[in-house]
Amino acid sequence: MCLTQVLGGFWYFHHQNDSRANRRASINRALTPAMKYPKNLLLRQVQDRVSLTCQVDPTGHAHGCHITDGHYMEFNQTALVFVEHAIFNPALQNGHPVKDDHYTLHINFRVK
């Protein structure tokens, strides 16, 4: 392998992630445990959508979460516990982790 191929490979690897240099926070689904459907609402086949907002710090943890829309206390509490224990991919600015002050999440509780 010649030096041109090595440098070309480095340039490709380095620049293929440019689209990730700036991004919003997102839940790391591989590291976050699954959310459990509240048993009493599942038995009654109740469904709802819960919306919440939080701040996600540069280490990937949520703080200051609050419900912005939700109709059942059990769903709201389940959503809050889930997001407060979730692991996030932090927001990036110029490739560096930063705080995301306005992370919004919508959780659909649906009976399958």
C-alpha atoms as a PDB file:
ATOM      1  CA  MET A   1       0.000   0.000   0.000  1.00  0.00           C
ATOM      2  CA  CYS A   2       1.470   3.347  -0.956  1.00  0.00           C
ATOM      3  CA  LEU A   3       1.359   6.581   1.042  1.00  0.00           C
ATOM      4  CA  THR A   4      -1.233   8.086  -1.320  1.00  0.00           C
ATOM      5  CA  GLN A   5      -3.660   5.241  -0.551  1.00  0.00           C
ATOM      6  CA  VAL A   6      -3.085   5.599   3.190  1.00  0.00           C
ATOM      7  CA  LEU A   7      -3.618   9.365   3.113  1.00  0.00           C
ATOM      8  CA  GLY A   8      -6.633   8.973   0.823  1.00  0.00           C
ATOM      9  CA  GLY A   9      -8.165   6.465   3.248  1.00  0.00           C
ATOM     10  CA  PHE A  10      -7.521   8.832   6.166  1.00  0.00           C
ATOM     11  CA  TRP A  11      -9.167  11.724   4.283  1.00  0.00           C
ATOM     12  CA  TYR A  12     -12.237   9.580   3.509  1.00  0.00           C
ATOM     13  CA  PHE A  13     -12.576   8.334   7.099  1.00  0.00           C
ATOM     14  CA  HIS A  14     -12.072  11.810   8.535  1.00  0.00           C
ATOM     15  CA  HIS A  15     -14.537  13.536   6.199  1.00  0.00           C
ATOM     16  CA  GLN A  16     -17.280  10.893   6.040  1.00  0.00           C
ATOM     17  CA  ASN A  17     -18.361  12.057   9.498  1.00  0.00           C
ATOM     18  CA  ASP A  18     -18.630  15.754   8.562  1.00  0.00           C
ATOM     19  CA  SER A  19     -22.427  15.452   8.554  1.00  0.00           C
ATOM     20  CA  ARG A  20     -22.169  14.596  12.244  1.00  0.00           C
ATOM     21  CA  ALA A  21     -20.165  17.690  13.153  1.00  0.00           C
ATOM     22  CA  ASN A  22     -23.400  19.445  14.220  1.00  0.00           C
ATOM     23  CA  ARG A  23     -26.377  17.462  15.467  1.00  0.00           C
ATOM     24  CA  ARG A  24     -29.094  17.433  18.109  1.00  0.00           C
ATOM     25  CA  ALA A  25     -29.059  15.012  21.017  1.00  0.00           C
ATOM     26  CA  SER A  26     -30.644  11.586  20.456  1.00  0.00           C
ATOM     27  CA  ILE A  27     -31.409   8.550  22.591  1.00  0.00           C
ATOM     28  CA  ASN A  28     -28.791   5.831  22.376  1.00  0.00           C
ATOM     29  CA  ARG A  29     -31.191   2.895  21.996  1.00  0.00           C
ATOM     30  CA  ALA A  30     -28.394   0.322  22.315  1.00  0.00           C
ATOM     31  CA  LEU A  31     -27.512   1.512  25.840  1.00  0.00           C
ATOM     32  CA  THR A  32     -30.961   2.572  27.072  1.00  0.00           C
ATOM     33  CA  PRO A  33     -33.178  -0.076  28.681  1.00  0.00           C
ATOM     34  CA  ALA A  34     -36.585  -0.592  27.102  1.00  0.00           C
ATOM     35  CA  MET A  35     -39.510   1.277  28.600  1.00  0.00           C
ATOM     36  CA  LYS A  36     -42.169  -0.803  30.298  1.00  0.00           C
ATOM     37  CA  TYR A  37     -45.840  -0.211  29.504  1.00  0.00           C
ATOM     38  CA  PRO A  38     -47.776   0.494  32.743  1.00  0.00           C
ATOM     39  CA  LYS A  39     -49.432  -2.848  33.502  1.00  0.00           C
ATOM     40  CA  ASN A  40     -52.835  -1.532  34.597  1.00  0.00           C
ATOM     41  CA  LEU A  41     -53.134   0.592  31.429  1.00  0.00           C
ATOM     42  CA  LEU A  42     -51.995  -2.303  29.256  1.00  0.00           C
ATOM     43  CA  LEU A  43     -54.654  -4.582  30.752  1.00  0.00           C
ATOM     44  CA  ARG A  44     -57.284  -1.926  30.001  1.00  0.00           C
ATOM     45  CA  GLN A  45     -55.714  -1.378  26.525  1.00  0.00           C
ATOM     46  CA  VAL A  46     -55.359   2.364  27.127  1.00  0.00           C
ATOM     47  CA  GLN A  47     -53.199   4.243  24.606  1.00  0.00           C
ATOM     48  CA  ASP A  48     -51.784   7.776  24.607  1.00  0.00           C
ATOM     49  CA  ARG A  49     -48.967   9.994  23.402  1.00  0.00           C
ATOM     50  CA  VAL A  50     -46.719  11.743  25.921  1.00  0.00           C
ATOM     51  CA  SER A  51     -44.527  14.712  24.973  1.00  0.00           C
ATOM     52  CA  LEU A  52     -41.753  16.037  27.169  1.00  0.00           C
ATOM     53  CA  THR A  53     -38.801  18.390  27.057  1.00  0.00           C
ATOM     54  CA  CYS A  54     -35.421  18.221  28.801  1.00  0.00           C
ATOM     55  CA  GLN A  55     -31.907  19.465  28.748  1.00  0.00           C
ATOM     56  CA  VAL A  56     -29.339  16.878  27.650  1.00  0.00           C
ATOM     57  CA  ASP A  57     -25.860  17.566  28.994  1.00  0.00           C
ATOM     58  CA  PRO A  58     -22.605  16.919  27.074  1.00  0.00           C
ATOM     59  CA  THR A  59     -22.147  13.586  28.905  1.00  0.00           C
ATOM     60  CA  GLY A  60     -25.453  12.246  27.525  1.00  0.00           C
ATOM     61  CA  HIS A  61     -27.741  12.578  30.565  1.00  0.00           C
ATOM     62  CA  ALA A  62     -31.106  14.363  30.738  1.00  0.00           C
ATOM     63  CA  HIS A  63     -32.002  16.990  33.347  1.00  0.00           C
ATOM     64  CA  GLY A  64     -34.968  19.230  34.083  1.00  0.00           C
ATOM     65  CA  CYS A  65     -37.444  17.045  32.221  1.00  0.00           C
ATOM     66  CA  HIS A  66     -41.105  17.972  32.261  1.00  0.00           C
ATOM     67  CA  ILE A  67     -44.245  16.769  30.529  1.00  0.00           C
ATOM     68  CA  THR A  68     -45.656  19.122  27.904  1.00  0.00           C
ATOM     69  CA  ASP A  69     -48.551  16.889  26.836  1.00  0.00           C
ATOM     70  CA  GLY A  70     -50.007  13.659  28.241  1.00  0.00           C
ATOM     71  CA  HIS A  71     -53.374  12.592  29.573  1.00  0.00           C
ATOM     72  CA  TYR A  72     -52.613   9.744  32.017  1.00  0.00           C
ATOM     73  CA  MET A  73     -50.492  10.127  35.130  1.00  0.00           C
ATOM     74  CA  GLU A  74     -49.103   6.583  34.761  1.00  0.00           C
ATOM     75  CA  PHE A  75     -47.897   7.217  31.200  1.00  0.00           C
ATOM     76  CA  ASN A  76     -46.460  10.584  32.179  1.00  0.00           C
ATOM     77  CA  GLN A  77     -44.539   9.084  35.113  1.00  0.00           C
ATOM     78  CA  THR A  78     -43.292   6.163  33.005  1.00  0.00           C
ATOM     79  CA  ALA A  79     -42.051   8.566  30.311  1.00  0.00           C
ATOM     80  CA  LEU A  80     -40.252  10.752  32.875  1.00  0.00           C
ATOM     81  CA  VAL A  81     -38.521   7.788  34.509  1.00  0.00           C
ATOM     82  CA  PHE A  82     -37.537   6.427  31.092  1.00  0.00           C
ATOM     83  CA  VAL A  83     -35.978   9.665  29.845  1.00  0.00           C
ATOM     84  CA  GLU A  84     -34.227  10.400  33.151  1.00  0.00           C
ATOM     85  CA  HIS A  85     -32.525   6.979  32.984  1.00  0.00           C
ATOM     86  CA  ALA A  86     -31.884   7.022  29.229  1.00  0.00           C
ATOM     87  CA  ILE A  87     -28.401   7.337  27.792  1.00  0.00           C
ATOM     88  CA  PHE A  88     -28.148   9.937  25.036  1.00  0.00           C
ATOM     89  CA  ASN A  89     -25.801  10.646  22.195  1.00  0.00           C
ATOM     90  CA  PRO A  90     -25.046  14.254  23.138  1.00  0.00           C
ATOM     91  CA  ALA A  91     -25.592  17.152  20.787  1.00  0.00           C
ATOM     92  CA  LEU A  92     -22.515  18.090  18.782  1.00  0.00           C
ATOM     93  CA  GLN A  93     -21.325  21.481  17.688  1.00  0.00           C
ATOM     94  CA  ASN A  94     -18.266  21.502  15.429  1.00  0.00           C
ATOM     95  CA  GLY A  95     -17.778  17.869  16.420  1.00  0.00           C
ATOM     96  CA  HIS A  96     -17.667  18.585  20.177  1.00  0.00           C
ATOM     97  CA  PRO A  97     -20.311  17.494  22.727  1.00  0.00           C
ATOM     98  CA  VAL A  98     -22.493  20.385  23.936  1.00  0.00           C
ATOM     99  CA  LYS A  99     -25.650  20.810  25.994  1.00  0.00           C
ATOM    100  CA  ASP A 100     -28.966  20.552  24.145  1.00  0.00           C
ATOM    101  CA  ASP A 101     -31.265  22.921  26.056  1.00  0.00           C
ATOM    102  CA  HIS A 102     -34.471  22.041  24.222  1.00  0.00           C
ATOM    103  CA  TYR A 103     -34.564  18.295  23.632  1.00  0.00           C
ATOM    104  CA  THR A 104     -38.132  17.202  22.817  1.00  0.00           C
ATOM    105  CA  LEU A 105     -39.349  13.627  22.874  1.00  0.00           C
ATOM    106  CA  HIS A 106     -42.724  12.177  21.875  1.00  0.00           C
ATOM    107  CA  ILE A 107     -43.525   8.713  23.213  1.00  0.00           C
ATOM    108  CA  ASN A 108     -46.428   6.753  21.762  1.00  0.00           C
ATOM    109  CA  PHE A 109     -47.915   4.178  24.096  1.00  0.00           C
ATOM    110  CA  ARG A 110     -49.704   1.765  21.758  1.00  0.00           C
ATOM    111  CA  VAL A 111     -51.157  -1.666  22.444  1.00  0.00           C
ATOM    112  CA  LYS A 112     -50.055  -4.127  19.769  1.00  0.00           C
END
